[in-house]
Amino acid sequence: MRKIIILPALLALAACSASPEEQAADARAAFAANDYAKARILAASALEAMPGNKELLLLQARSLLALGDGAGAGATLQKLATSGGVPDQAELTAEAALLRNAPQVARDALAASTSSEADRLRGLAAIQDGDTAAAAGFFAKAVAVGDNARAFADLARLRLMERDVATASQLADQAAALAPQGIDTLLIKGQIALTKGDLKVALDTYSNAAKRYPTSLAALTGEAAALGDLGRYKEMMAVADTAAEVAPRNLQVAYLRARAGVAMKNWDLVRATVQPLEAELPAIHPLRALYAEALLRLDRSELAAAQLTPIVRAQPGNRQVALLLAEARLTGKDAKGAMAALQAIADSPQARPEELAMMARAAKAAGDSRADGYDRRAKSPSPQVVGGDLAEADAAIKRGDWAKAALAYERILAVTKGGNPLVLNNMAYAQLMLGNHAAALRYADQALKRMPDNASVLDTAGWVRFRAGQDLENAKRLLRRAAEQAPQNKTIQMHLAEATRTGG
């Protein structure tokens, strides 16, 4: 597991042998390396010998801001103000106030400021007030100056909230032109990639951010989430554990650890992660469903049902939670309660096989005459179910959301016995775009076995091999056959040309 946090006690012990000047120099070096936790501790140690040193106070304040400690930064900035302050005192004070969710304090601090950074911060204050229109105006004013990468990134984030991905992408590119490796630039690039479903790009971006900014919680949680979407759960857990060192009681971090634990069926880990935070969890929170599943697998069905019932009441359309509640109630010998949890879903034409199978089990246990009907439907999914999944997959592919497309294809393959070659072909391409080369090759070969002369299937089988760097001669052979079958297909011709040029 990657270790990024130096324990304060050990760092303080090492600092005892250094002079205040050496500690100050080390603090500056740590800040330059974006190791803000180390910079904060070294600056604090040096300040004990030089309590009014403006440079050290400023470095400590900036380190605390980077760590998200608004209260600590605010206190340090007050000390800095008594020493005469610095040119951007107002902006720093406003940023500290925003970290404390005090937008009016931020606005008051910025009353006389006219910089692009001041307008960016006014925009963030407006967002905290829920006034996105005002925020957009302030961000637009800030980006018009053209010198503030963070302003471009914040406006991009706002446009992404409005689902304007194209504009968000353009703004992120402008942020990158000003500060290509800035944390705000990297985070918005990663967020846009996630929105587009381009998990490989998202992972690469967040991983780069986490390496460059080792105490950035947003970078670490983004990296962990991308790894989870790619199904790389052991790596996800390692990154989430590192994030837990940065923020031990952060609910987002706990969710990522629990999500990885559920995927790996490590139920004890899930319970150990969530249980200490249970009292502070909102009534409706994604962690509760993960916690409930862990409790269910650990033979605590009544406790699991207690966690799930409020969620189902608040979110009757949450099929995954309803299915889990039905299982918990059935395990707890409450067959009628299990049926009640799934009734509306099971009676819908869009009911999925796993939902119908659970309903059949509950109905049988309850002595309900409808049990056989549910069982028959579970074994013969309706065309509406498959059609709905196909439509969902097609829509996901059109917008480049490969993760959602793969999930939809997985459901289709499960109910069609994995025999449709075109679905297998599309699944192979989706897995390729997710960076899962082994899975992509497996699905591509299954499709090729069933339709060995189809141009699209031949193209996918060859392209997967080429992109995975495996069996390159066969990759070119398959792509040549695809080009022969469909000589007018520009995509196939492009794939063949690249494979021939790159593969020799």
Protein backbone atom coordinates (compact mmCIF):
# COMPACT_ATOMS: atom_id res chain seq x y z
CA MET A 1 0.00 0.00 0.00
CA ARG A 2 1.27 3.46 -0.87
CA LYS A 3 2.25 5.42 2.26
CA ILE A 4 2.16 9.19 1.89
CA ILE A 5 1.60 10.62 5.36
CA ILE A 6 4.58 11.14 7.62
CA LEU A 7 3.49 10.73 11.22
CA PRO A 8 3.77 14.06 13.05
CA ALA A 9 5.53 12.48 16.04
CA LEU A 10 8.26 10.97 13.87
CA LEU A 11 8.65 14.15 11.87
CA ALA A 12 8.83 16.26 15.01
CA LEU A 13 11.48 13.92 16.41
CA ALA A 14 13.58 14.31 13.28
CA ALA A 15 13.09 18.07 13.36
CA CYS A 16 14.53 18.31 16.86
CA SER A 17 18.05 17.92 15.51
CA ALA A 18 17.63 20.61 12.81
CA SER A 19 18.01 24.34 13.23
CA PRO A 20 14.98 26.62 12.64
CA GLU A 21 16.59 27.80 9.39
CA GLU A 22 17.01 24.19 8.23
CA GLN A 23 13.42 23.40 9.18
CA ALA A 24 12.25 26.45 7.22
CA ALA A 25 14.25 25.35 4.18
CA ASP A 26 12.82 21.83 4.46
CA ALA A 27 9.32 23.27 4.78
CA ARG A 28 9.80 25.28 1.58
CA ALA A 29 11.08 22.18 -0.21
CA ALA A 30 8.15 20.09 1.00
CA PHE A 31 5.67 22.74 -0.15
CA ALA A 32 7.34 22.91 -3.55
CA ALA A 33 6.94 19.12 -3.79
CA ASN A 34 3.23 19.50 -2.89
CA ASP A 35 3.72 17.55 0.35
CA TYR A 36 1.57 19.93 2.34
CA ALA A 37 1.30 17.77 5.45
CA LYS A 38 5.07 17.73 5.83
CA ALA A 39 5.35 21.43 4.99
CA ARG A 40 2.76 22.32 7.63
CA ILE A 41 4.57 20.43 10.40
CA LEU A 42 8.02 21.74 9.50
CA ALA A 43 6.75 25.31 9.23
CA ALA A 44 5.05 25.03 12.61
CA SER A 45 8.26 23.73 14.16
CA ALA A 46 10.33 26.55 12.65
CA LEU A 47 7.77 29.13 13.78
CA GLU A 48 8.31 28.15 17.39
CA ALA A 49 11.74 29.77 17.12
CA MET A 50 10.64 32.51 14.69
CA PRO A 51 7.01 33.23 15.68
CA GLY A 52 6.56 36.37 13.60
CA ASN A 53 8.28 35.24 10.42
CA LYS A 54 5.93 36.34 7.60
CA GLU A 55 7.33 33.92 5.04
CA LEU A 56 6.78 30.94 7.34
CA LEU A 57 3.32 32.10 8.38
CA LEU A 58 2.35 32.43 4.72
CA LEU A 59 3.79 29.01 3.89
CA GLN A 60 1.91 27.46 6.80
CA ALA A 61 -1.34 29.16 5.77
CA ARG A 62 -1.01 27.99 2.17
CA SER A 63 -0.22 24.45 3.35
CA LEU A 64 -3.32 24.42 5.57
CA LEU A 65 -5.46 25.71 2.71
CA ALA A 66 -4.14 22.96 0.44
CA LEU A 67 -5.00 20.43 3.16
CA GLY A 68 -8.55 21.80 3.41
CA ASP A 69 -8.10 23.07 6.97
CA GLY A 70 -10.06 26.32 6.86
CA ALA A 71 -10.01 26.88 10.61
CA GLY A 72 -6.25 26.39 10.92
CA ALA A 73 -5.57 28.53 7.86
CA GLY A 74 -7.84 31.28 9.17
CA ALA A 75 -6.04 31.38 12.51
CA THR A 76 -2.64 31.52 10.81
CA LEU A 77 -3.81 34.28 8.47
CA GLN A 78 -4.93 36.33 11.46
CA LYS A 79 -1.40 36.07 12.86
CA LEU A 80 -0.06 37.06 9.46
CA ALA A 81 -2.35 40.10 9.40
CA THR A 82 -0.93 41.34 12.71
CA SER A 83 2.53 41.14 11.14
CA GLY A 84 1.49 43.41 8.28
CA GLY A 85 -0.18 40.88 6.00
CA VAL A 86 0.66 39.99 2.39
CA PRO A 87 -0.62 41.33 -0.97
CA ASP A 88 -3.15 38.49 -1.43
CA GLN A 89 -4.25 38.45 2.21
CA ALA A 90 -7.90 39.08 1.28
CA GLU A 91 -8.05 36.19 -1.20
CA LEU A 92 -6.38 33.78 1.21
CA THR A 93 -8.70 34.82 4.03
CA ALA A 94 -11.71 34.32 1.76
CA GLU A 95 -10.52 30.87 0.71
CA ALA A 96 -10.12 29.88 4.36
CA ALA A 97 -13.65 31.13 5.07
CA LEU A 98 -15.07 29.10 2.17
CA LEU A 99 -13.41 25.97 3.56
CA ARG A 100 -15.37 26.69 6.75
CA ASN A 101 -18.58 27.14 4.69
CA ALA A 102 -18.77 30.82 5.61
CA PRO A 103 -19.55 32.53 2.27
CA GLN A 104 -20.51 35.89 3.77
CA VAL A 105 -17.20 36.08 5.65
CA ALA A 106 -15.48 35.39 2.32
CA ARG A 107 -17.40 38.16 0.58
CA ASP A 108 -16.60 40.62 3.34
CA ALA A 109 -12.90 39.79 3.06
CA LEU A 110 -13.02 40.40 -0.71
CA ALA A 111 -14.90 43.70 -0.53
CA ALA A 112 -12.02 45.77 -1.92
CA SER A 113 -10.42 43.10 -4.17
CA THR A 114 -10.60 43.30 -7.95
CA SER A 115 -8.36 40.38 -8.99
CA SER A 116 -9.50 37.41 -11.08
CA GLU A 117 -8.88 35.24 -8.02
CA ALA A 118 -11.26 37.42 -6.00
CA ASP A 119 -13.98 36.91 -8.61
CA ARG A 120 -13.30 33.16 -8.65
CA LEU A 121 -13.76 33.06 -4.89
CA ARG A 122 -16.94 35.15 -5.14
CA GLY A 123 -18.20 32.52 -7.55
CA LEU A 124 -17.47 29.75 -5.04
CA ALA A 125 -19.26 31.76 -2.34
CA ALA A 126 -22.30 32.02 -4.63
CA ILE A 127 -22.26 28.25 -5.14
CA GLN A 128 -22.27 27.76 -1.37
CA ASP A 129 -25.33 30.00 -1.29
CA GLY A 130 -26.95 27.88 -4.01
CA ASP A 131 -26.92 30.72 -6.57
CA THR A 132 -25.34 29.08 -9.61
CA ALA A 133 -26.37 31.91 -11.94
CA ALA A 134 -24.42 34.42 -9.87
CA ALA A 135 -21.53 31.95 -9.65
CA ALA A 136 -21.42 31.65 -13.43
CA GLY A 137 -21.24 35.43 -13.73
CA PHE A 138 -18.31 35.72 -11.33
CA PHE A 139 -16.46 32.81 -12.97
CA ALA A 140 -17.02 34.33 -16.42
CA LYS A 141 -15.56 37.62 -15.20
CA ALA A 142 -12.56 35.77 -13.76
CA VAL A 143 -11.83 33.76 -16.91
CA ALA A 144 -12.17 36.86 -19.09
CA VAL A 145 -8.91 38.06 -17.59
CA GLY A 146 -7.33 34.89 -18.95
CA ASP A 147 -4.67 34.38 -16.28
CA ASN A 148 -6.35 32.07 -13.75
CA ALA A 149 -6.36 28.32 -14.44
CA ARG A 150 -8.38 27.66 -11.30
CA ALA A 151 -11.15 29.94 -12.57
CA PHE A 152 -11.34 28.03 -15.86
CA ALA A 153 -11.48 24.76 -13.90
CA ASP A 154 -14.23 26.03 -11.59
CA LEU A 155 -16.35 27.27 -14.49
CA ALA A 156 -15.80 23.92 -16.22
CA ARG A 157 -17.01 22.16 -13.07
CA LEU A 158 -20.12 24.34 -13.03
CA ARG A 159 -20.85 23.56 -16.69
CA LEU A 160 -20.38 19.88 -15.94
CA MET A 161 -22.98 20.18 -13.19
CA GLU A 162 -25.29 21.56 -15.88
CA ARG A 163 -24.45 18.55 -18.11
CA ASP A 164 -22.75 20.77 -20.70
CA VAL A 165 -19.84 18.40 -21.23
CA ALA A 166 -18.64 20.04 -24.45
CA THR A 167 -18.22 23.48 -22.87
CA ALA A 168 -16.70 21.95 -19.74
CA SER A 169 -14.12 20.18 -21.90
CA GLN A 170 -13.20 23.40 -23.70
CA LEU A 171 -12.77 25.24 -20.40
CA ALA A 172 -10.67 22.40 -18.99
CA ASP A 173 -8.41 22.64 -22.04
CA GLN A 174 -7.98 26.36 -21.35
CA ALA A 175 -7.08 25.57 -17.74
CA ALA A 176 -4.54 23.05 -19.01
CA ALA A 177 -2.98 25.64 -21.31
CA LEU A 178 -2.28 27.82 -18.25
CA ALA A 179 -1.40 25.13 -15.70
CA PRO A 180 -1.18 21.67 -17.29
CA GLN A 181 -0.17 19.96 -14.04
CA GLY A 182 -2.14 22.14 -11.62
CA ILE A 183 -4.29 20.18 -9.19
CA ASP A 184 -7.49 21.95 -10.27
CA THR A 185 -6.71 21.24 -13.93
CA LEU A 186 -6.04 17.56 -13.29
CA LEU A 187 -9.13 17.12 -11.14
CA ILE A 188 -11.51 18.65 -13.69
CA LYS A 189 -9.89 16.62 -16.48
CA GLY A 190 -10.42 13.47 -14.46
CA GLN A 191 -14.01 14.40 -13.65
CA ILE A 192 -14.82 15.05 -17.31
CA ALA A 193 -13.27 11.72 -18.31
CA LEU A 194 -15.41 9.95 -15.70
CA THR A 195 -18.52 11.72 -16.99
CA LYS A 196 -17.69 10.56 -20.51
CA GLY A 197 -17.10 7.02 -19.27
CA ASP A 198 -13.47 7.09 -20.39
CA LEU A 199 -12.19 5.29 -17.32
CA LYS A 200 -8.67 4.70 -18.62
CA VAL A 201 -8.10 8.43 -19.13
CA ALA A 202 -9.77 9.19 -15.79
CA LEU A 203 -7.53 6.72 -13.97
CA ASP A 204 -4.38 8.02 -15.62
CA THR A 205 -5.34 11.61 -14.79
CA TYR A 206 -6.22 10.96 -11.16
CA SER A 207 -3.13 8.77 -10.68
CA ASN A 208 -0.96 11.57 -12.02
CA ALA A 209 -2.69 14.02 -9.67
CA ALA A 210 -2.21 11.73 -6.66
CA LYS A 211 1.50 11.36 -7.41
CA ARG A 212 2.03 15.07 -7.83
CA TYR A 213 -0.21 16.06 -4.90
CA PRO A 214 0.11 13.19 -2.40
CA THR A 215 -2.20 14.76 0.19
CA SER A 216 -5.01 15.64 -2.25
CA LEU A 217 -8.08 13.80 -1.04
CA ALA A 218 -9.92 14.57 -4.29
CA ALA A 219 -7.12 13.01 -6.35
CA LEU A 220 -6.98 9.89 -4.19
CA THR A 221 -10.73 9.35 -4.11
CA GLY A 222 -10.95 9.95 -7.87
CA GLU A 223 -8.22 7.38 -8.47
CA ALA A 224 -9.91 4.85 -6.18
CA ALA A 225 -13.31 5.36 -7.85
CA ALA A 226 -11.84 4.88 -11.33
CA LEU A 227 -10.09 1.68 -10.23
CA GLY A 228 -13.39 0.44 -8.82
CA ASP A 229 -15.24 1.16 -12.06
CA LEU A 230 -12.54 -0.82 -13.86
CA GLY A 231 -13.02 -3.76 -11.48
CA ARG A 232 -9.50 -3.47 -10.01
CA TYR A 233 -10.67 -3.79 -6.44
CA LYS A 234 -7.43 -4.70 -4.67
CA GLU A 235 -5.76 -1.62 -6.12
CA MET A 236 -8.86 0.39 -5.28
CA MET A 237 -8.62 -0.70 -1.65
CA ALA A 238 -4.93 0.22 -1.47
CA VAL A 239 -5.61 3.74 -2.73
CA ALA A 240 -8.68 4.10 -0.48
CA ASP A 241 -6.56 3.03 2.50
CA THR A 242 -4.09 5.78 1.62
CA ALA A 243 -6.96 8.27 1.43
CA ALA A 244 -8.09 7.09 4.87
CA GLU A 245 -4.72 8.18 6.24
CA VAL A 246 -5.37 11.67 4.89
CA ALA A 247 -9.00 11.79 6.15
CA PRO A 248 -9.70 8.98 8.65
CA ARG A 249 -13.42 9.73 9.16
CA ASN A 250 -14.36 10.97 5.71
CA LEU A 251 -17.59 9.35 4.49
CA GLN A 252 -16.56 9.34 0.83
CA VAL A 253 -13.37 7.50 1.71
CA ALA A 254 -15.33 5.05 3.87
CA TYR A 255 -17.72 4.44 0.98
CA LEU A 256 -14.86 3.62 -1.38
CA ARG A 257 -13.29 1.22 1.14
CA ALA A 258 -16.66 -0.43 1.75
CA ARG A 259 -17.39 -0.66 -1.97
CA ALA A 260 -14.08 -2.44 -2.55
CA GLY A 261 -14.78 -4.71 0.42
CA VAL A 262 -18.19 -5.69 -0.96
CA ALA A 263 -16.69 -6.44 -4.38
CA MET A 264 -14.07 -8.68 -2.74
CA LYS A 265 -16.70 -10.19 -0.38
CA ASN A 266 -14.66 -9.09 2.62
CA TRP A 267 -17.69 -8.58 4.83
CA ASP A 268 -15.77 -8.14 8.06
CA LEU A 269 -13.80 -5.29 6.50
CA VAL A 270 -17.01 -3.59 5.35
CA ARG A 271 -18.52 -3.83 8.82
CA ALA A 272 -15.30 -2.58 10.45
CA THR A 273 -15.22 0.37 8.04
CA VAL A 274 -18.81 1.52 8.48
CA GLN A 275 -19.70 0.60 12.05
CA PRO A 276 -17.60 3.36 13.72
CA LEU A 277 -19.32 5.94 11.47
CA GLU A 278 -22.88 4.60 11.73
CA ALA A 279 -24.07 7.23 14.23
CA GLU A 280 -23.05 10.10 11.95
CA LEU A 281 -24.39 8.63 8.70
CA PRO A 282 -27.38 10.42 7.14
CA ALA A 283 -30.55 8.33 7.12
CA ILE A 284 -30.26 7.84 3.36
CA HIS A 285 -26.65 7.27 2.41
CA PRO A 286 -25.03 4.80 -0.03
CA LEU A 287 -22.86 3.45 2.79
CA ARG A 288 -25.92 2.06 4.53
CA ALA A 289 -26.72 -0.28 1.65
CA LEU A 290 -23.14 -1.61 1.60
CA TYR A 291 -23.20 -1.98 5.37
CA ALA A 292 -26.53 -3.78 5.16
CA GLU A 293 -25.19 -6.28 2.64
CA ALA A 294 -22.23 -7.00 4.90
CA LEU A 295 -24.57 -7.53 7.85
CA LEU A 296 -26.71 -9.87 5.76
CA ARG A 297 -23.72 -11.97 4.70
CA LEU A 298 -22.59 -12.07 8.34
CA ASP A 299 -25.97 -13.59 9.37
CA ARG A 300 -27.38 -10.38 10.80
CA SER A 301 -30.47 -10.22 8.59
CA GLU A 302 -32.64 -8.23 11.01
CA LEU A 303 -29.97 -5.54 11.36
CA ALA A 304 -29.58 -5.51 7.58
CA ALA A 305 -33.33 -5.03 7.07
CA ALA A 306 -33.32 -2.16 9.57
CA GLN A 307 -30.67 -0.37 7.50
CA LEU A 308 -32.44 -0.99 4.19
CA THR A 309 -36.09 -0.28 5.03
CA PRO A 310 -35.77 3.54 5.25
CA ILE A 311 -33.89 3.61 1.94
CA VAL A 312 -36.59 1.62 0.14
CA ARG A 313 -39.29 3.88 1.56
CA ALA A 314 -37.45 7.00 0.38
CA GLN A 315 -36.32 5.49 -2.93
CA PRO A 316 -38.97 3.01 -4.11
CA GLY A 317 -37.29 2.82 -7.52
CA ASN A 318 -33.96 1.64 -6.12
CA ARG A 319 -34.08 -1.92 -7.45
CA GLN A 320 -30.77 -3.05 -6.00
CA VAL A 321 -31.72 -2.04 -2.47
CA ALA A 322 -35.23 -3.50 -2.81
CA LEU A 323 -33.76 -6.83 -3.90
CA LEU A 324 -31.37 -6.79 -0.95
CA LEU A 325 -34.20 -5.98 1.48
CA ALA A 326 -36.27 -8.85 0.10
CA GLU A 327 -33.36 -11.22 0.65
CA ALA A 328 -32.83 -9.91 4.18
CA ARG A 329 -36.49 -10.37 5.07
CA LEU A 330 -36.64 -13.80 3.50
CA THR A 331 -33.52 -14.86 5.41
CA GLY A 332 -35.23 -13.57 8.55
CA LYS A 333 -38.27 -15.82 7.83
CA ASP A 334 -40.48 -12.89 6.81
CA ALA A 335 -41.60 -14.18 3.42
CA LYS A 336 -44.55 -11.81 3.10
CA GLY A 337 -42.32 -8.87 3.95
CA ALA A 338 -39.90 -10.04 1.26
CA MET A 339 -42.73 -10.12 -1.27
CA ALA A 340 -43.84 -6.63 -0.26
CA ALA A 341 -40.35 -5.28 -0.86
CA LEU A 342 -40.30 -6.57 -4.46
CA GLN A 343 -43.98 -6.59 -5.42
CA ALA A 344 -44.05 -3.49 -7.62
CA ILE A 345 -40.79 -4.41 -9.34
CA ALA A 346 -41.68 -8.08 -9.91
CA ASP A 347 -45.08 -7.23 -11.39
CA SER A 348 -43.48 -4.89 -13.93
CA PRO A 349 -42.73 -6.16 -17.47
CA GLN A 350 -39.19 -4.83 -16.95
CA ALA A 351 -38.51 -7.12 -13.98
CA ARG A 352 -35.12 -8.78 -14.28
CA PRO A 353 -34.50 -12.52 -13.81
CA GLU A 354 -32.75 -12.14 -10.45
CA GLU A 355 -35.65 -10.07 -9.11
CA LEU A 356 -38.22 -12.57 -10.33
CA ALA A 357 -36.24 -15.50 -8.94
CA MET A 358 -36.15 -13.85 -5.50
CA MET A 359 -39.88 -13.09 -5.74
CA ALA A 360 -40.56 -16.72 -6.64
CA ARG A 361 -38.61 -17.91 -3.59
CA ALA A 362 -40.45 -15.49 -1.32
CA ALA A 363 -43.86 -16.43 -2.77
CA LYS A 364 -43.14 -20.12 -2.36
CA ALA A 365 -42.08 -19.61 1.26
CA ALA A 366 -45.24 -17.57 1.87
CA GLY A 367 -47.44 -20.22 0.25
CA ASP A 368 -48.51 -17.76 -2.44
CA SER A 369 -50.01 -19.32 -5.58
CA ARG A 370 -48.10 -16.89 -7.84
CA ALA A 371 -44.75 -18.53 -7.08
CA ASP A 372 -44.72 -20.72 -10.21
CA GLY A 373 -45.57 -17.77 -12.44
CA TYR A 374 -42.71 -15.72 -11.10
CA ASP A 375 -40.41 -18.70 -11.52
CA ARG A 376 -41.41 -19.17 -15.17
CA ARG A 377 -40.83 -15.50 -15.91
CA ALA A 378 -37.42 -15.66 -14.23
CA LYS A 379 -36.38 -18.49 -16.54
CA SER A 380 -37.73 -16.79 -19.68
CA PRO A 381 -36.98 -13.05 -19.55
CA SER A 382 -39.40 -10.84 -21.44
CA PRO A 383 -38.34 -9.12 -24.65
CA GLN A 384 -38.89 -5.79 -22.88
CA VAL A 385 -36.07 -6.59 -20.44
CA VAL A 386 -33.54 -7.46 -23.14
CA GLY A 387 -34.73 -4.58 -25.32
CA GLY A 388 -34.38 -2.13 -22.46
CA ASP A 389 -30.84 -3.28 -21.77
CA LEU A 390 -29.94 -3.05 -25.46
CA ALA A 391 -31.29 0.49 -25.65
CA GLU A 392 -29.37 1.41 -22.49
CA ALA A 393 -26.16 -0.07 -23.90
CA ASP A 394 -26.56 1.67 -27.27
CA ALA A 395 -27.19 5.03 -25.58
CA ALA A 396 -24.16 4.52 -23.34
CA ILE A 397 -21.92 3.75 -26.33
CA LYS A 398 -23.11 6.85 -28.19
CA ARG A 399 -22.07 9.07 -25.29
CA GLY A 400 -18.86 7.10 -24.67
CA ASP A 401 -19.94 5.69 -21.31
CA TRP A 402 -18.21 2.34 -21.71
CA ALA A 403 -18.68 1.27 -18.09
CA LYS A 404 -22.48 1.51 -18.26
CA ALA A 405 -22.49 -0.14 -21.68
CA ALA A 406 -20.49 -3.07 -20.31
CA LEU A 407 -22.91 -3.52 -17.40
CA ALA A 408 -25.89 -3.56 -19.76
CA TYR A 409 -24.21 -6.06 -22.10
CA GLU A 410 -23.34 -8.23 -19.12
CA ARG A 411 -27.02 -8.44 -18.16
CA ILE A 412 -27.99 -9.27 -21.75
CA LEU A 413 -25.40 -12.04 -22.00
CA ALA A 414 -26.56 -13.48 -18.69
CA VAL A 415 -30.17 -13.89 -19.86
CA THR A 416 -29.34 -14.95 -23.44
CA LYS A 417 -26.85 -17.63 -22.38
CA GLY A 418 -24.01 -15.55 -23.82
CA GLY A 419 -24.75 -16.64 -27.38
CA ASN A 420 -25.39 -13.43 -29.32
CA PRO A 421 -22.20 -12.72 -31.31
CA LEU A 422 -22.97 -9.04 -31.93
CA VAL A 423 -23.51 -8.44 -28.23
CA LEU A 424 -20.27 -10.29 -27.52
CA ASN A 425 -18.55 -8.13 -30.11
CA ASN A 426 -19.86 -4.91 -28.59
CA MET A 427 -18.93 -6.12 -25.13
CA ALA A 428 -15.39 -6.81 -26.35
CA TYR A 429 -15.08 -3.26 -27.65
CA ALA A 430 -16.49 -1.78 -24.44
CA GLN A 431 -13.99 -3.77 -22.37
CA LEU A 432 -11.20 -2.62 -24.66
CA MET A 433 -12.17 1.01 -24.13
CA LEU A 434 -12.16 0.38 -20.38
CA GLY A 435 -8.61 -0.93 -20.62
CA ASN A 436 -9.59 -4.50 -19.68
CA HIS A 437 -7.61 -6.21 -22.44
CA ALA A 438 -7.93 -9.78 -21.18
CA ALA A 439 -11.72 -9.54 -20.95
CA ALA A 440 -11.90 -7.79 -24.32
CA LEU A 441 -9.93 -10.57 -25.99
CA ARG A 442 -12.08 -13.25 -24.38
CA TYR A 443 -15.33 -11.70 -25.62
CA ALA A 444 -13.88 -10.93 -29.05
CA ASP A 445 -12.80 -14.54 -29.54
CA GLN A 446 -16.24 -15.80 -28.48
CA ALA A 447 -17.84 -13.54 -31.07
CA LEU A 448 -15.30 -14.59 -33.72
CA LYS A 449 -16.03 -18.25 -33.09
CA ARG A 450 -19.72 -17.66 -33.79
CA MET A 451 -19.36 -15.24 -36.73
CA PRO A 452 -15.93 -15.83 -38.29
CA ASP A 453 -16.70 -13.94 -41.51
CA ASN A 454 -18.40 -10.83 -40.11
CA ALA A 455 -16.37 -7.69 -40.86
CA SER A 456 -17.19 -5.96 -37.59
CA VAL A 457 -16.33 -9.05 -35.55
CA LEU A 458 -13.08 -9.55 -37.46
CA ASP A 459 -12.18 -5.89 -36.96
CA THR A 460 -12.80 -6.04 -33.19
CA ALA A 461 -10.84 -9.27 -32.79
CA GLY A 462 -7.89 -7.79 -34.65
CA TRP A 463 -8.06 -4.37 -33.05
CA VAL A 464 -8.25 -5.83 -29.52
CA ARG A 465 -5.10 -7.85 -30.18
CA PHE A 466 -3.29 -4.84 -31.59
CA ARG A 467 -4.25 -2.53 -28.73
CA ALA A 468 -3.30 -5.20 -26.18
CA GLY A 469 0.05 -5.72 -27.87
CA GLN A 470 -0.63 -9.45 -28.28
CA ASP A 471 -0.40 -11.75 -31.30
CA LEU A 472 0.32 -8.84 -33.65
CA GLU A 473 0.69 -10.89 -36.82
CA ASN A 474 -2.72 -12.46 -36.23
CA ALA A 475 -4.11 -9.01 -35.43
CA LYS A 476 -3.04 -7.72 -38.84
CA ARG A 477 -4.37 -10.85 -40.55
CA LEU A 478 -7.80 -10.39 -38.93
CA LEU A 479 -7.86 -6.70 -39.81
CA ARG A 480 -6.94 -7.43 -43.43
CA ARG A 481 -9.81 -9.95 -43.64
CA ALA A 482 -12.16 -7.35 -42.13
CA ALA A 483 -11.03 -4.78 -44.71
CA GLU A 484 -11.63 -7.27 -47.51
CA GLN A 485 -15.16 -7.94 -46.23
CA ALA A 486 -15.99 -4.22 -45.87
CA PRO A 487 -13.70 -2.19 -48.16
CA GLN A 488 -15.79 1.00 -47.70
CA ASN A 489 -15.63 0.96 -43.89
CA LYS A 490 -13.34 3.84 -42.95
CA THR A 491 -12.92 2.72 -39.32
CA ILE A 492 -11.70 -0.72 -40.36
CA GLN A 493 -9.35 0.80 -42.92
CA MET A 494 -7.97 3.16 -40.25
CA HIS A 495 -7.42 0.27 -37.81
CA LEU A 496 -5.60 -1.75 -40.49
CA ALA A 497 -3.44 1.20 -41.49
CA GLU A 498 -2.40 1.89 -37.90
CA ALA A 499 -1.68 -1.75 -37.15
CA THR A 500 0.38 -2.08 -40.33
CA ARG A 501 2.28 1.14 -39.71
CA THR A 502 2.95 0.54 -36.00
CA GLY A 503 3.28 -3.23 -36.00
CA GLY A 504 5.77 -3.34 -38.87
